[in-house]
Amino acid sequence: MAEEAAIIARVIASPLDVDAAAWNALLACQSHPTPFLRHEYLAALHESGSATPRTGWAPRFMTLWDGDTLVAACPLYLKNHSYGEYVFDWAWASAYEQHGVPYYPKAVIAVPFTPVPGSRLLARDDETRALLLQAVCQWCDEENVSSVHMLFASDADIEASAQQELMLRRTVQFHWTNTAPAHSDEAPAAPHAGSQAAPIASVPLATHAAPPAQHSGGRPFHSFDDFLASLTQGKRKKIRQERRRVADAGVRFRWARGTDISASDWDFFYRCYEHTYLEHGNPPYLTRDFFARMAAHLPQAWLLFIAERDGHPIASSLIAISDHPSSGSAPSES
C-alpha cells in the first residue's frame, strides 16, 4: 500500500490480528465511541462465527502505522450480499445488474448487525483520519471493489468523507434522550425523540445517523413520573393505563448488569432473540456463543431486563451501556 509521511497502511484479515489495547486506545480518543466498536465486540463477532467470510463478512480491517504504533484503523469488511447492514441498497444492486456491472463484492466500514451511530474511522487526529479513508478508497480501486459504504458514521467521519468527495445518503432513525424540557413553564411536550437525518457514505458511499442534539439548558429526568409530567395529559393517561394492565396481568420485572447476569439469563435472552428472527422465517445473525463471549469479555457493557409471570420469564430486553447514548433490543419469547 501507499506510504505517506512515514505512515504505512496494512490490511488485516482478522480482528484477532490487531492488538486489542491499541485498538481500544484509539477508540477512546474518538468523539463518539460505543461498546460496539471495542475490540472485544468485533473479535467476538469473528470468533463466534457470526461475522466471518462464511457468513459473507470477510474482514479486511484497514490500519495505519507510524512505525510500530497504530495511528488509525477501521472495521472494513468485504461482502457478497447486503444482509445484516440495516441499510437497504437492493435497488442499487439491481440497477448494477441490469447494466451488466457487478455490484458485489462491495466493501463496508461498519459494525455487523449493529445499526447504532458511532465513530467508524478511528484515528489520532483529523489528518490521519483523512489518510485512513484515502487508503480504504485506494485499496478498493486496487481490488476492483464496486463501492465502499460507511454505515452509521459519526460527524467526524462524515466530514472526512466529504473531503474525500464521497456521496452522502441520509436515512432516518428515532432517538430518545433523557433530557427534560429546559423551562418549567413550557407547554407539556414529549422529550426529544425526533427523527435523525442520517447520512451513508459510498462509492464511494457513507450512511450517517447523527446522535441527537441535546436540548439547550435541559436536565435529565429525575424519575419516570418526572418524564410523565412532561407529556400531554392524554399521553400520560395512556401510558399509565398500559402499565396498569401489565401489572394487573401479574407481570413483574427484574434486571441484572454485567457479571450479575447469569448463564440462564443469557440463555433465556437468546431464546427470545432467536424467536424474534424465526417468527420472520430467518435464522438469527448472532450466535449463542457471541453472547457468551460478551458475558466473559465485555460484561460491564450490558444491562438485561427480564419480565416474569408466575415466576417464569416471558420477555427480555438487552441494553448496551456506555458514556454515550444507550442502545438496546427488546425481543419476547411468545
C-alpha atoms as a PDB file:
ATOM      1  CA  MET A   1       0.000   0.000   0.000  1.00  0.00           C
ATOM      2  CA  ALA A   2       0.982   3.625  -0.269  1.00  0.00           C
ATOM      3  CA  GLU A   3       3.352   5.388   2.130  1.00  0.00           C
ATOM      4  CA  GLU A   4       2.565   8.934   3.256  1.00  0.00           C
ATOM      5  CA  ALA A   5       4.862  10.822   5.624  1.00  0.00           C
ATOM      6  CA  ALA A   6       6.151   7.554   7.124  1.00  0.00           C
ATOM      7  CA  ILE A   7       2.589   6.308   7.615  1.00  0.00           C
ATOM      8  CA  ILE A   8       2.172   2.735   6.356  1.00  0.00           C
ATOM      9  CA  ALA A   9      -1.205   1.160   5.515  1.00  0.00           C
ATOM     10  CA  ARG A  10      -1.808  -2.518   6.202  1.00  0.00           C
ATOM     11  CA  VAL A  11      -4.925  -4.597   5.543  1.00  0.00           C
ATOM     12  CA  ILE A  12      -5.576  -7.205   8.233  1.00  0.00           C
ATOM     13  CA  ALA A  13      -7.789 -10.229   7.538  1.00  0.00           C
ATOM     14  CA  SER A  14      -8.840 -10.903  11.125  1.00  0.00           C
ATOM     15  CA  PRO A  15      -9.632  -8.648  14.089  1.00  0.00           C
ATOM     16  CA  LEU A  16      -7.669 -11.124  16.195  1.00  0.00           C
ATOM     17  CA  ASP A  17      -4.500  -9.953  14.444  1.00  0.00           C
ATOM     18  CA  VAL A  18      -4.957  -6.377  15.698  1.00  0.00           C
ATOM     19  CA  ASP A  19      -3.682  -5.542  19.174  1.00  0.00           C
ATOM     20  CA  ALA A  20      -6.742  -5.090  21.392  1.00  0.00           C
ATOM     21  CA  ALA A  21      -5.200  -2.459  23.673  1.00  0.00           C
ATOM     22  CA  ALA A  22      -4.021  -0.341  20.740  1.00  0.00           C
ATOM     23  CA  TRP A  23      -7.432  -0.566  19.025  1.00  0.00           C
ATOM     24  CA  ASN A  24      -9.357   0.354  22.180  1.00  0.00           C
ATOM     25  CA  ALA A  25      -6.972   3.224  22.919  1.00  0.00           C
ATOM     26  CA  LEU A  26      -7.759   4.710  19.504  1.00  0.00           C
ATOM     27  CA  LEU A  27     -11.485   4.234  20.091  1.00  0.00           C
ATOM     28  CA  ALA A  28     -11.302   6.030  23.436  1.00  0.00           C
ATOM     29  CA  CYS A  29      -9.914   9.130  21.682  1.00  0.00           C
ATOM     30  CA  GLN A  30     -12.884   9.449  19.322  1.00  0.00           C
ATOM     31  CA  SER A  31     -15.782  11.874  19.651  1.00  0.00           C
ATOM     32  CA  HIS A  32     -18.452   9.154  19.584  1.00  0.00           C
ATOM     33  CA  PRO A  33     -17.117   5.833  20.908  1.00  0.00           C
ATOM     34  CA  THR A  34     -19.531   2.975  21.606  1.00  0.00           C
ATOM     35  CA  PRO A  35     -19.087  -0.528  23.054  1.00  0.00           C
ATOM     36  CA  PHE A  36     -19.926  -1.907  19.618  1.00  0.00           C
ATOM     37  CA  LEU A  37     -16.584  -0.838  18.194  1.00  0.00           C
ATOM     38  CA  ARG A  38     -14.494  -2.152  21.050  1.00  0.00           C
ATOM     39  CA  HIS A  39     -12.045  -4.854  20.059  1.00  0.00           C
ATOM     40  CA  GLU A  40     -13.815  -7.354  22.334  1.00  0.00           C
ATOM     41  CA  TYR A  41     -17.078  -6.865  20.422  1.00  0.00           C
ATOM     42  CA  LEU A  42     -15.566  -7.183  16.951  1.00  0.00           C
ATOM     43  CA  ALA A  43     -13.427 -10.157  17.982  1.00  0.00           C
ATOM     44  CA  ALA A  44     -16.481 -11.904  19.437  1.00  0.00           C
ATOM     45  CA  LEU A  45     -18.375 -11.429  16.169  1.00  0.00           C
ATOM     46  CA  HIS A  46     -15.494 -13.152  14.389  1.00  0.00           C
ATOM     47  CA  GLU A  47     -14.674 -15.914  16.874  1.00  0.00           C
ATOM     48  CA  SER A  48     -18.326 -16.860  17.400  1.00  0.00           C
ATOM     49  CA  GLY A  49     -18.853 -17.398  13.684  1.00  0.00           C
ATOM     50  CA  SER A  50     -21.367 -14.550  13.464  1.00  0.00           C
ATOM     51  CA  ALA A  51     -19.408 -12.257  11.105  1.00  0.00           C
ATOM     52  CA  THR A  52     -16.900 -14.293   9.104  1.00  0.00           C
ATOM     53  CA  PRO A  53     -16.147 -14.997   5.443  1.00  0.00           C
ATOM     54  CA  ARG A  54     -18.524 -17.982   5.696  1.00  0.00           C
ATOM     55  CA  THR A  55     -21.423 -15.667   6.605  1.00  0.00           C
ATOM     56  CA  GLY A  56     -20.431 -13.120   3.960  1.00  0.00           C
ATOM     57  CA  TRP A  57     -18.442 -10.765   6.205  1.00  0.00           C
ATOM     58  CA  ALA A  58     -14.776 -11.065   5.225  1.00  0.00           C
ATOM     59  CA  PRO A  59     -12.657  -8.822   7.486  1.00  0.00           C
ATOM     60  CA  ARG A  60     -10.254  -6.504   5.706  1.00  0.00           C
ATOM     61  CA  PHE A  61      -9.514  -4.156   8.586  1.00  0.00           C
ATOM     62  CA  MET A  62      -7.616  -1.123   7.318  1.00  0.00           C
ATOM     63  CA  THR A  63      -4.861   0.037   9.664  1.00  0.00           C
ATOM     64  CA  LEU A  64      -2.320   2.857   9.507  1.00  0.00           C
ATOM     65  CA  TRP A  65       1.016   2.600  11.276  1.00  0.00           C
ATOM     66  CA  ASP A  66       3.652   5.101  12.286  1.00  0.00           C
ATOM     67  CA  GLY A  67       6.497   2.688  12.853  1.00  0.00           C
ATOM     68  CA  ASP A  68       5.147   0.162  15.358  1.00  0.00           C
ATOM     69  CA  THR A  69       2.380   2.478  16.559  1.00  0.00           C
ATOM     70  CA  LEU A  70      -1.207   2.046  15.391  1.00  0.00           C
ATOM     71  CA  VAL A  71      -2.445   5.546  14.498  1.00  0.00           C
ATOM     72  CA  ALA A  72      -5.669   4.790  12.611  1.00  0.00           C
ATOM     73  CA  ALA A  73      -7.956   1.843  11.914  1.00  0.00           C
ATOM     74  CA  CYS A  74     -11.447   0.956  10.750  1.00  0.00           C
ATOM     75  CA  PRO A  75     -13.633  -2.184  10.628  1.00  0.00           C
ATOM     76  CA  LEU A  76     -13.645  -2.787   6.868  1.00  0.00           C
ATOM     77  CA  TYR A  77     -15.443  -5.849   5.511  1.00  0.00           C
ATOM     78  CA  LEU A  78     -15.662  -7.311   2.013  1.00  0.00           C
ATOM     79  CA  LYS A  79     -19.196  -8.527   1.316  1.00  0.00           C
ATOM     80  CA  ASN A  80     -21.007 -10.551  -1.327  1.00  0.00           C
ATOM     81  CA  HIS A  81     -24.501  -9.647  -0.068  1.00  0.00           C
ATOM     82  CA  SER A  82     -26.281  -6.819   1.782  1.00  0.00           C
ATOM     83  CA  TYR A  83     -27.748  -8.690   4.739  1.00  0.00           C
ATOM     84  CA  GLY A  84     -27.144  -7.566   8.308  1.00  0.00           C
ATOM     85  CA  GLU A  85     -26.451  -3.920   7.471  1.00  0.00           C
ATOM     86  CA  TYR A  86     -29.864  -2.349   8.166  1.00  0.00           C
ATOM     87  CA  VAL A  87     -29.250  -0.112   5.173  1.00  0.00           C
ATOM     88  CA  PHE A  88     -31.178  -1.222   2.124  1.00  0.00           C
ATOM     89  CA  ASP A  89     -29.294  -0.977  -1.150  1.00  0.00           C
ATOM     90  CA  TRP A  90     -31.034  -3.773  -3.039  1.00  0.00           C
ATOM     91  CA  ALA A  91     -32.239  -1.286  -5.667  1.00  0.00           C
ATOM     92  CA  TRP A  92     -28.641  -0.270  -6.330  1.00  0.00           C
ATOM     93  CA  ALA A  93     -27.608  -3.906  -6.686  1.00  0.00           C
ATOM     94  CA  SER A  94     -30.474  -4.446  -9.124  1.00  0.00           C
ATOM     95  CA  ALA A  95     -29.513  -1.367 -11.157  1.00  0.00           C
ATOM     96  CA  TYR A  96     -25.910  -2.558 -11.387  1.00  0.00           C
ATOM     97  CA  GLU A  97     -27.109  -5.994 -12.559  1.00  0.00           C
ATOM     98  CA  GLN A  98     -29.434  -4.505 -15.179  1.00  0.00           C
ATOM     99  CA  HIS A  99     -26.482  -2.635 -16.658  1.00  0.00           C
ATOM    100  CA  GLY A 100     -24.205  -5.656 -16.609  1.00  0.00           C
ATOM    101  CA  VAL A 101     -21.976  -4.256 -13.855  1.00  0.00           C
ATOM    102  CA  PRO A 102     -21.144  -6.391 -10.803  1.00  0.00           C
ATOM    103  CA  TYR A 103     -22.232  -4.811  -7.509  1.00  0.00           C
ATOM    104  CA  TYR A 104     -20.659  -7.499  -5.363  1.00  0.00           C
ATOM    105  CA  PRO A 105     -18.204  -7.752  -3.848  1.00  0.00           C
ATOM    106  CA  LYS A 106     -18.616  -4.416  -2.137  1.00  0.00           C
ATOM    107  CA  ALA A 107     -16.819  -3.022   0.917  1.00  0.00           C
ATOM    108  CA  VAL A 108     -18.444  -1.720   4.092  1.00  0.00           C
ATOM    109  CA  ILE A 109     -16.986   0.183   7.027  1.00  0.00           C
ATOM    110  CA  ALA A 110     -19.452  -0.933   9.649  1.00  0.00           C
ATOM    111  CA  VAL A 111     -20.215  -2.882  12.789  1.00  0.00           C
ATOM    112  CA  PRO A 112     -22.011  -6.039  11.591  1.00  0.00           C
ATOM    113  CA  PHE A 113     -25.681  -6.322  12.550  1.00  0.00           C
ATOM    114  CA  THR A 114     -25.497  -3.122  14.619  1.00  0.00           C
ATOM    115  CA  PRO A 115     -27.265  -0.001  13.244  1.00  0.00           C
ATOM    116  CA  VAL A 116     -26.041   2.236  16.057  1.00  0.00           C
ATOM    117  CA  PRO A 117     -24.380   5.575  15.199  1.00  0.00           C
ATOM    118  CA  GLY A 118     -20.807   5.989  16.339  1.00  0.00           C
ATOM    119  CA  SER A 119     -17.215   6.514  15.308  1.00  0.00           C
ATOM    120  CA  ARG A 120     -16.137   4.309  12.404  1.00  0.00           C
ATOM    121  CA  LEU A 121     -12.807   5.847  11.369  1.00  0.00           C
ATOM    122  CA  LEU A 122     -10.577   5.557  14.423  1.00  0.00           C
ATOM    123  CA  ALA A 123      -7.671   7.991  14.168  1.00  0.00           C
ATOM    124  CA  ARG A 124      -5.386  10.051  16.366  1.00  0.00           C
ATOM    125  CA  ASP A 125      -6.362  13.278  14.534  1.00  0.00           C
ATOM    126  CA  ASP A 126      -8.350  14.574  11.564  1.00  0.00           C
ATOM    127  CA  GLU A 127      -5.370  14.459   9.215  1.00  0.00           C
ATOM    128  CA  THR A 128      -4.766  10.794   9.958  1.00  0.00           C
ATOM    129  CA  ARG A 129      -8.492  10.087   9.601  1.00  0.00           C
ATOM    130  CA  ALA A 130      -8.365  11.535   6.093  1.00  0.00           C
ATOM    131  CA  LEU A 131      -5.341   9.367   5.272  1.00  0.00           C
ATOM    132  CA  LEU A 132      -7.210   6.300   6.535  1.00  0.00           C
ATOM    133  CA  LEU A 133     -10.166   6.913   4.248  1.00  0.00           C
ATOM    134  CA  GLN A 134      -7.840   7.576   1.323  1.00  0.00           C
ATOM    135  CA  ALA A 135      -6.167   4.227   1.990  1.00  0.00           C
ATOM    136  CA  VAL A 136      -9.554   2.485   2.009  1.00  0.00           C
ATOM    137  CA  CYS A 137     -10.560   4.025  -1.320  1.00  0.00           C
ATOM    138  CA  GLN A 138      -7.191   3.183  -2.863  1.00  0.00           C
ATOM    139  CA  TRP A 139      -7.480  -0.422  -1.704  1.00  0.00           C
ATOM    140  CA  CYS A 140     -10.983  -0.687  -3.197  1.00  0.00           C
ATOM    141  CA  ASP A 141      -9.658   0.575  -6.535  1.00  0.00           C
ATOM    142  CA  GLU A 142      -6.804  -1.928  -6.483  1.00  0.00           C
ATOM    143  CA  GLU A 143      -9.144  -4.811  -5.591  1.00  0.00           C
ATOM    144  CA  ASN A 144     -11.801  -3.825  -8.184  1.00  0.00           C
ATOM    145  CA  VAL A 145     -14.437  -3.425  -5.476  1.00  0.00           C
ATOM    146  CA  SER A 146     -17.592  -1.747  -6.786  1.00  0.00           C
ATOM    147  CA  SER A 147     -18.068   0.629  -3.849  1.00  0.00           C
ATOM    148  CA  VAL A 148     -17.309   1.304  -0.212  1.00  0.00           C
ATOM    149  CA  HIS A 149     -20.099   2.100   2.233  1.00  0.00           C
ATOM    150  CA  MET A 150     -19.536   3.638   5.661  1.00  0.00           C
ATOM    151  CA  LEU A 151     -22.614   2.958   7.773  1.00  0.00           C
ATOM    152  CA  PHE A 152     -23.993   4.956  10.728  1.00  0.00           C
ATOM    153  CA  ALA A 153     -20.925   7.136  10.977  1.00  0.00           C
ATOM    154  CA  SER A 154     -20.048   9.990  13.318  1.00  0.00           C
ATOM    155  CA  ASP A 155     -19.878  13.666  12.355  1.00  0.00           C
ATOM    156  CA  ALA A 156     -16.073  13.481  12.209  1.00  0.00           C
ATOM    157  CA  ASP A 157     -16.308  10.522   9.834  1.00  0.00           C
ATOM    158  CA  ILE A 158     -18.802  12.337   7.633  1.00  0.00           C
ATOM    159  CA  GLU A 159     -16.513  15.365   7.468  1.00  0.00           C
ATOM    160  CA  ALA A 160     -13.663  13.119   6.321  1.00  0.00           C
ATOM    161  CA  SER A 161     -15.999  11.536   3.760  1.00  0.00           C
ATOM    162  CA  ALA A 162     -16.970  14.941   2.388  1.00  0.00           C
ATOM    163  CA  GLN A 163     -13.308  15.857   1.962  1.00  0.00           C
ATOM    164  CA  GLN A 164     -12.840  12.601   0.041  1.00  0.00           C
ATOM    165  CA  GLU A 165     -15.872  13.571  -2.105  1.00  0.00           C
ATOM    166  CA  LEU A 166     -17.921  10.554  -1.111  1.00  0.00           C
ATOM    167  CA  MET A 167     -21.653  10.649  -1.736  1.00  0.00           C
ATOM    168  CA  LEU A 168     -23.829  11.215   1.306  1.00  0.00           C
ATOM    169  CA  ARG A 169     -27.081   9.327   1.781  1.00  0.00           C
ATOM    170  CA  ARG A 170     -29.386  10.313   4.637  1.00  0.00           C
ATOM    171  CA  THR A 171     -31.614   7.860   6.460  1.00  0.00           C
ATOM    172  CA  VAL A 172     -33.894   8.292   9.468  1.00  0.00           C
ATOM    173  CA  GLN A 173     -33.601   6.900  12.983  1.00  0.00           C
ATOM    174  CA  PHE A 174     -35.537   7.761  16.124  1.00  0.00           C
ATOM    175  CA  HIS A 175     -33.637   8.568  19.317  1.00  0.00           C
ATOM    176  CA  TRP A 176     -34.935   9.269  22.807  1.00  0.00           C
ATOM    177  CA  THR A 177     -32.746  11.396  25.039  1.00  0.00           C
ATOM    178  CA  ASN A 178     -33.030  11.643  28.811  1.00  0.00           C
ATOM    179  CA  THR A 179     -33.481  15.409  28.717  1.00  0.00           C
ATOM    180  CA  ALA A 180     -36.317  17.259  30.396  1.00  0.00           C
ATOM    181  CA  PRO A 181     -37.759  20.457  28.892  1.00  0.00           C
ATOM    182  CA  ALA A 182     -35.481  23.413  29.532  1.00  0.00           C
ATOM    183  CA  HIS A 183     -38.173  25.600  31.159  1.00  0.00           C
ATOM    184  CA  SER A 184     -40.840  24.548  33.607  1.00  0.00           C
ATOM    185  CA  ASP A 185     -43.343  26.936  32.039  1.00  0.00           C
ATOM    186  CA  GLU A 186     -43.091  25.298  28.612  1.00  0.00           C
ATOM    187  CA  ALA A 187     -46.198  23.610  27.276  1.00  0.00           C
ATOM    188  CA  PRO A 188     -46.012  19.859  28.051  1.00  0.00           C
ATOM    189  CA  ALA A 189     -44.363  18.011  25.216  1.00  0.00           C
ATOM    190  CA  ALA A 190     -42.687  14.703  24.591  1.00  0.00           C
ATOM    191  CA  PRO A 191     -38.927  14.703  25.198  1.00  0.00           C
ATOM    192  CA  HIS A 192     -36.698  14.799  22.174  1.00  0.00           C
ATOM    193  CA  ALA A 193     -37.411  11.588  20.303  1.00  0.00           C
ATOM    194  CA  GLY A 194     -37.128  13.065  16.873  1.00  0.00           C
ATOM    195  CA  SER A 195     -36.105  11.548  13.618  1.00  0.00           C
ATOM    196  CA  GLN A 196     -32.439  11.883  12.836  1.00  0.00           C
ATOM    197  CA  ALA A 197     -31.375  12.563   9.290  1.00  0.00           C
ATOM    198  CA  ALA A 198     -28.704  10.006   8.674  1.00  0.00           C
ATOM    199  CA  PRO A 199     -26.000  10.137   6.025  1.00  0.00           C
ATOM    200  CA  ILE A 200     -24.404   6.998   4.382  1.00  0.00           C
ATOM    201  CA  ALA A 201     -21.053   7.281   2.559  1.00  0.00           C
ATOM    202  CA  SER A 202     -20.375   5.074  -0.529  1.00  0.00           C
ATOM    203  CA  VAL A 203     -18.838   4.901  -3.921  1.00  0.00           C
ATOM    204  CA  PRO A 204     -17.901   5.738  -2.724  1.00  0.00           C
ATOM    205  CA  LEU A 205     -20.827   5.856  -0.267  1.00  0.00           C
ATOM    206  CA  ALA A 206     -21.391   6.616   3.528  1.00  0.00           C
ATOM    207  CA  THR A 207     -24.522   6.187   5.792  1.00  0.00           C
ATOM    208  CA  HIS A 208     -24.825   8.517   8.727  1.00  0.00           C
ATOM    209  CA  ALA A 209     -27.241   8.706  11.636  1.00  0.00           C
ATOM    210  CA  ALA A 210     -26.019  11.541  13.808  1.00  0.00           C
ATOM    211  CA  PRO A 211     -26.553  11.406  17.560  1.00  0.00           C
ATOM    212  CA  PRO A 212     -29.493  13.551  18.644  1.00  0.00           C
ATOM    213  CA  ALA A 213     -28.751  17.073  19.722  1.00  0.00           C
ATOM    214  CA  GLN A 214     -29.257  17.836  23.400  1.00  0.00           C
ATOM    215  CA  HIS A 215     -31.796  20.445  24.447  1.00  0.00           C
ATOM    216  CA  SER A 216     -30.051  23.615  25.486  1.00  0.00           C
ATOM    217  CA  GLY A 217     -30.384  24.055  29.226  1.00  0.00           C
ATOM    218  CA  GLY A 218     -32.197  20.724  29.669  1.00  0.00           C
ATOM    219  CA  ARG A 219     -31.627  18.369  32.586  1.00  0.00           C
ATOM    220  CA  PRO A 220     -32.071  14.607  32.941  1.00  0.00           C
ATOM    221  CA  PHE A 221     -35.445  13.387  34.155  1.00  0.00           C
ATOM    222  CA  HIS A 222     -35.296  12.609  37.885  1.00  0.00           C
ATOM    223  CA  SER A 223     -37.809   9.762  37.689  1.00  0.00           C
ATOM    224  CA  PHE A 224     -40.369   8.123  35.442  1.00  0.00           C
ATOM    225  CA  ASP A 225     -43.052  10.328  36.972  1.00  0.00           C
ATOM    226  CA  ASP A 226     -40.890  13.328  36.074  1.00  0.00           C
ATOM    227  CA  PHE A 227     -40.881  12.096  32.482  1.00  0.00           C
ATOM    228  CA  LEU A 228     -44.647  11.561  32.504  1.00  0.00           C
ATOM    229  CA  ALA A 229     -45.131  15.109  33.755  1.00  0.00           C
ATOM    230  CA  SER A 230     -43.502  16.387  30.556  1.00  0.00           C
ATOM    231  CA  LEU A 231     -46.183  14.743  28.397  1.00  0.00           C
ATOM    232  CA  THR A 232     -49.664  15.869  27.493  1.00  0.00           C
ATOM    233  CA  GLN A 233     -52.450  14.619  29.729  1.00  0.00           C
ATOM    234  CA  GLY A 234     -53.693  12.199  27.075  1.00  0.00           C
ATOM    235  CA  LYS A 235     -50.322  10.540  26.583  1.00  0.00           C
ATOM    236  CA  ARG A 236     -49.718  10.419  30.313  1.00  0.00           C
ATOM    237  CA  LYS A 237     -53.066   8.694  30.891  1.00  0.00           C
ATOM    238  CA  LYS A 238     -52.488   6.150  28.120  1.00  0.00           C
ATOM    239  CA  ILE A 239     -49.058   5.151  29.416  1.00  0.00           C
ATOM    240  CA  ARG A 240     -50.361   4.717  32.961  1.00  0.00           C
ATOM    241  CA  GLN A 241     -53.235   2.570  31.704  1.00  0.00           C
ATOM    242  CA  GLU A 242     -50.850   0.360  29.727  1.00  0.00           C
ATOM    243  CA  ARG A 243     -48.551  -0.080  32.722  1.00  0.00           C
ATOM    244  CA  ARG A 244     -51.502  -0.861  34.986  1.00  0.00           C
ATOM    245  CA  ARG A 245     -52.720  -3.590  32.613  1.00  0.00           C
ATOM    246  CA  VAL A 246     -49.278  -5.200  32.667  1.00  0.00           C
ATOM    247  CA  ALA A 247     -49.149  -5.104  36.461  1.00  0.00           C
ATOM    248  CA  ASP A 248     -52.719  -6.462  36.737  1.00  0.00           C
ATOM    249  CA  ALA A 249     -51.689  -9.371  34.494  1.00  0.00           C
ATOM    250  CA  GLY A 250     -49.169 -10.377  37.128  1.00  0.00           C
ATOM    251  CA  VAL A 251     -46.091  -9.411  35.124  1.00  0.00           C
ATOM    252  CA  ARG A 252     -43.088  -8.399  37.188  1.00  0.00           C
ATOM    253  CA  PHE A 253     -39.676  -7.186  36.099  1.00  0.00           C
ATOM    254  CA  ARG A 254     -36.140  -7.743  37.279  1.00  0.00           C
ATOM    255  CA  TRP A 255     -32.814  -6.585  35.945  1.00  0.00           C
ATOM    256  CA  ALA A 256     -29.158  -7.533  36.154  1.00  0.00           C
ATOM    257  CA  ARG A 257     -25.979  -5.931  34.911  1.00  0.00           C
ATOM    258  CA  GLY A 258     -22.558  -7.247  33.985  1.00  0.00           C
ATOM    259  CA  THR A 259     -21.386 -10.280  35.914  1.00  0.00           C
ATOM    260  CA  ASP A 260     -24.738 -10.422  37.745  1.00  0.00           C
ATOM    261  CA  ILE A 261     -26.353 -11.660  34.515  1.00  0.00           C
ATOM    262  CA  SER A 262     -26.435 -15.434  34.947  1.00  0.00           C
ATOM    263  CA  ALA A 263     -25.851 -18.035  32.250  1.00  0.00           C
ATOM    264  CA  SER A 264     -29.530 -18.994  32.462  1.00  0.00           C
ATOM    265  CA  ASP A 265     -30.485 -15.329  31.961  1.00  0.00           C
ATOM    266  CA  TRP A 266     -28.330 -15.197  28.836  1.00  0.00           C
ATOM    267  CA  ASP A 267     -29.871 -18.484  27.649  1.00  0.00           C
ATOM    268  CA  PHE A 268     -33.372 -17.069  28.034  1.00  0.00           C
ATOM    269  CA  PHE A 269     -32.467 -13.831  26.293  1.00  0.00           C
ATOM    270  CA  TYR A 270     -31.030 -15.800  23.376  1.00  0.00           C
ATOM    271  CA  ARG A 271     -34.225 -17.849  23.073  1.00  0.00           C
ATOM    272  CA  CYS A 272     -36.132 -14.566  22.823  1.00  0.00           C
ATOM    273  CA  TYR A 273     -33.659 -13.165  20.312  1.00  0.00           C
ATOM    274  CA  GLU A 274     -33.775 -16.331  18.212  1.00  0.00           C
ATOM    275  CA  HIS A 275     -37.577 -16.464  18.363  1.00  0.00           C
ATOM    276  CA  THR A 276     -37.841 -12.908  17.027  1.00  0.00           C
ATOM    277  CA  TYR A 277     -35.933 -13.879  13.875  1.00  0.00           C
ATOM    278  CA  LEU A 278     -37.610 -17.269  13.413  1.00  0.00           C
ATOM    279  CA  GLU A 279     -41.022 -15.571  13.511  1.00  0.00           C
ATOM    280  CA  HIS A 280     -39.995 -13.866  10.273  1.00  0.00           C
ATOM    281  CA  GLY A 281     -38.562 -17.024   8.730  1.00  0.00           C
ATOM    282  CA  ASN A 282     -34.907 -16.120   9.213  1.00  0.00           C
ATOM    283  CA  PRO A 283     -32.104 -17.536  11.337  1.00  0.00           C
ATOM    284  CA  PRO A 284     -30.567 -15.109  13.856  1.00  0.00           C
ATOM    285  CA  TYR A 285     -27.441 -13.245  12.815  1.00  0.00           C
ATOM    286  CA  LEU A 286     -25.711 -13.634  16.177  1.00  0.00           C
ATOM    287  CA  THR A 287     -24.846 -16.999  17.700  1.00  0.00           C
ATOM    288  CA  ARG A 288     -25.289 -18.012  21.330  1.00  0.00           C
ATOM    289  CA  ASP A 289     -21.505 -18.191  21.561  1.00  0.00           C
ATOM    290  CA  PHE A 290     -21.309 -14.486  20.723  1.00  0.00           C
ATOM    291  CA  PHE A 291     -23.277 -13.597  23.853  1.00  0.00           C
ATOM    292  CA  ALA A 292     -21.176 -15.994  25.913  1.00  0.00           C
ATOM    293  CA  ARG A 293     -18.121 -14.053  24.778  1.00  0.00           C
ATOM    294  CA  MET A 294     -19.807 -10.773  25.674  1.00  0.00           C
ATOM    295  CA  ALA A 295     -20.516 -12.113  29.160  1.00  0.00           C
ATOM    296  CA  ALA A 296     -16.896 -13.185  29.524  1.00  0.00           C
ATOM    297  CA  HIS A 297     -15.004 -10.323  27.891  1.00  0.00           C
ATOM    298  CA  LEU A 298     -17.276  -7.249  27.951  1.00  0.00           C
ATOM    299  CA  PRO A 299     -19.712  -7.812  30.832  1.00  0.00           C
ATOM    300  CA  GLN A 300     -19.787  -4.213  32.085  1.00  0.00           C
ATOM    301  CA  ALA A 301     -21.421  -3.048  28.833  1.00  0.00           C
ATOM    302  CA  TRP A 302     -24.692  -4.962  29.297  1.00  0.00           C
ATOM    303  CA  LEU A 303     -27.902  -4.425  31.244  1.00  0.00           C
ATOM    304  CA  LEU A 304     -30.578  -7.127  30.941  1.00  0.00           C
ATOM    305  CA  PHE A 305     -34.257  -6.743  31.859  1.00  0.00           C
ATOM    306  CA  ILE A 306     -36.448  -9.831  32.184  1.00  0.00           C
ATOM    307  CA  ALA A 307     -40.241  -9.845  32.503  1.00  0.00           C
ATOM    308  CA  GLU A 308     -41.704 -12.697  34.546  1.00  0.00           C
ATOM    309  CA  ARG A 309     -45.190 -14.024  35.240  1.00  0.00           C
ATOM    310  CA  ASP A 310     -45.868 -16.663  37.891  1.00  0.00           C
ATOM    311  CA  GLY A 311     -42.126 -16.970  38.354  1.00  0.00           C
ATOM    312  CA  HIS A 312     -41.463 -17.807  34.693  1.00  0.00           C
ATOM    313  CA  PRO A 313     -39.605 -15.495  32.271  1.00  0.00           C
ATOM    314  CA  ILE A 314     -41.713 -14.333  29.325  1.00  0.00           C
ATOM    315  CA  ALA A 315     -39.787 -11.445  27.720  1.00  0.00           C
ATOM    316  CA  SER A 316     -36.444  -9.690  27.863  1.00  0.00           C
ATOM    317  CA  SER A 317     -34.621  -6.559  26.779  1.00  0.00           C
ATOM    318  CA  LEU A 318     -30.858  -6.149  26.458  1.00  0.00           C
ATOM    319  CA  ILE A 319     -29.351  -2.685  26.780  1.00  0.00           C
ATOM    320  CA  ALA A 320     -25.795  -1.652  25.909  1.00  0.00           C
ATOM    321  CA  ILE A 321     -24.380   0.840  28.406  1.00  0.00           C
ATOM    322  CA  SER A 322     -21.706   3.448  27.756  1.00  0.00           C
ATOM    323  CA  ASP A 323     -20.926   7.098  28.470  1.00  0.00           C
ATOM    324  CA  HIS A 324     -22.808   7.889  25.273  1.00  0.00           C
ATOM    325  CA  PRO A 325     -26.465   7.124  24.410  1.00  0.00           C
ATOM    326  CA  SER A 326     -27.547   3.593  25.338  1.00  0.00           C
ATOM    327  CA  SER A 327     -28.906   1.206  22.727  1.00  0.00           C
ATOM    328  CA  GLY A 328     -30.974  -1.909  23.086  1.00  0.00           C
ATOM    329  CA  SER A 329     -33.192  -4.659  21.747  1.00  0.00           C
ATOM    330  CA  ALA A 330     -36.409  -5.906  23.305  1.00  0.00           C
ATOM    331  CA  PRO A 331     -37.380  -9.351  21.990  1.00  0.00           C
ATOM    332  CA  SER A 332     -40.032 -11.507  23.654  1.00  0.00           C
ATOM    333  CA  GLU A 333     -40.335 -15.286  23.653  1.00  0.00           C
ATOM    334  CA  SER A 334     -44.030 -15.657  22.880  1.00  0.00           C
END
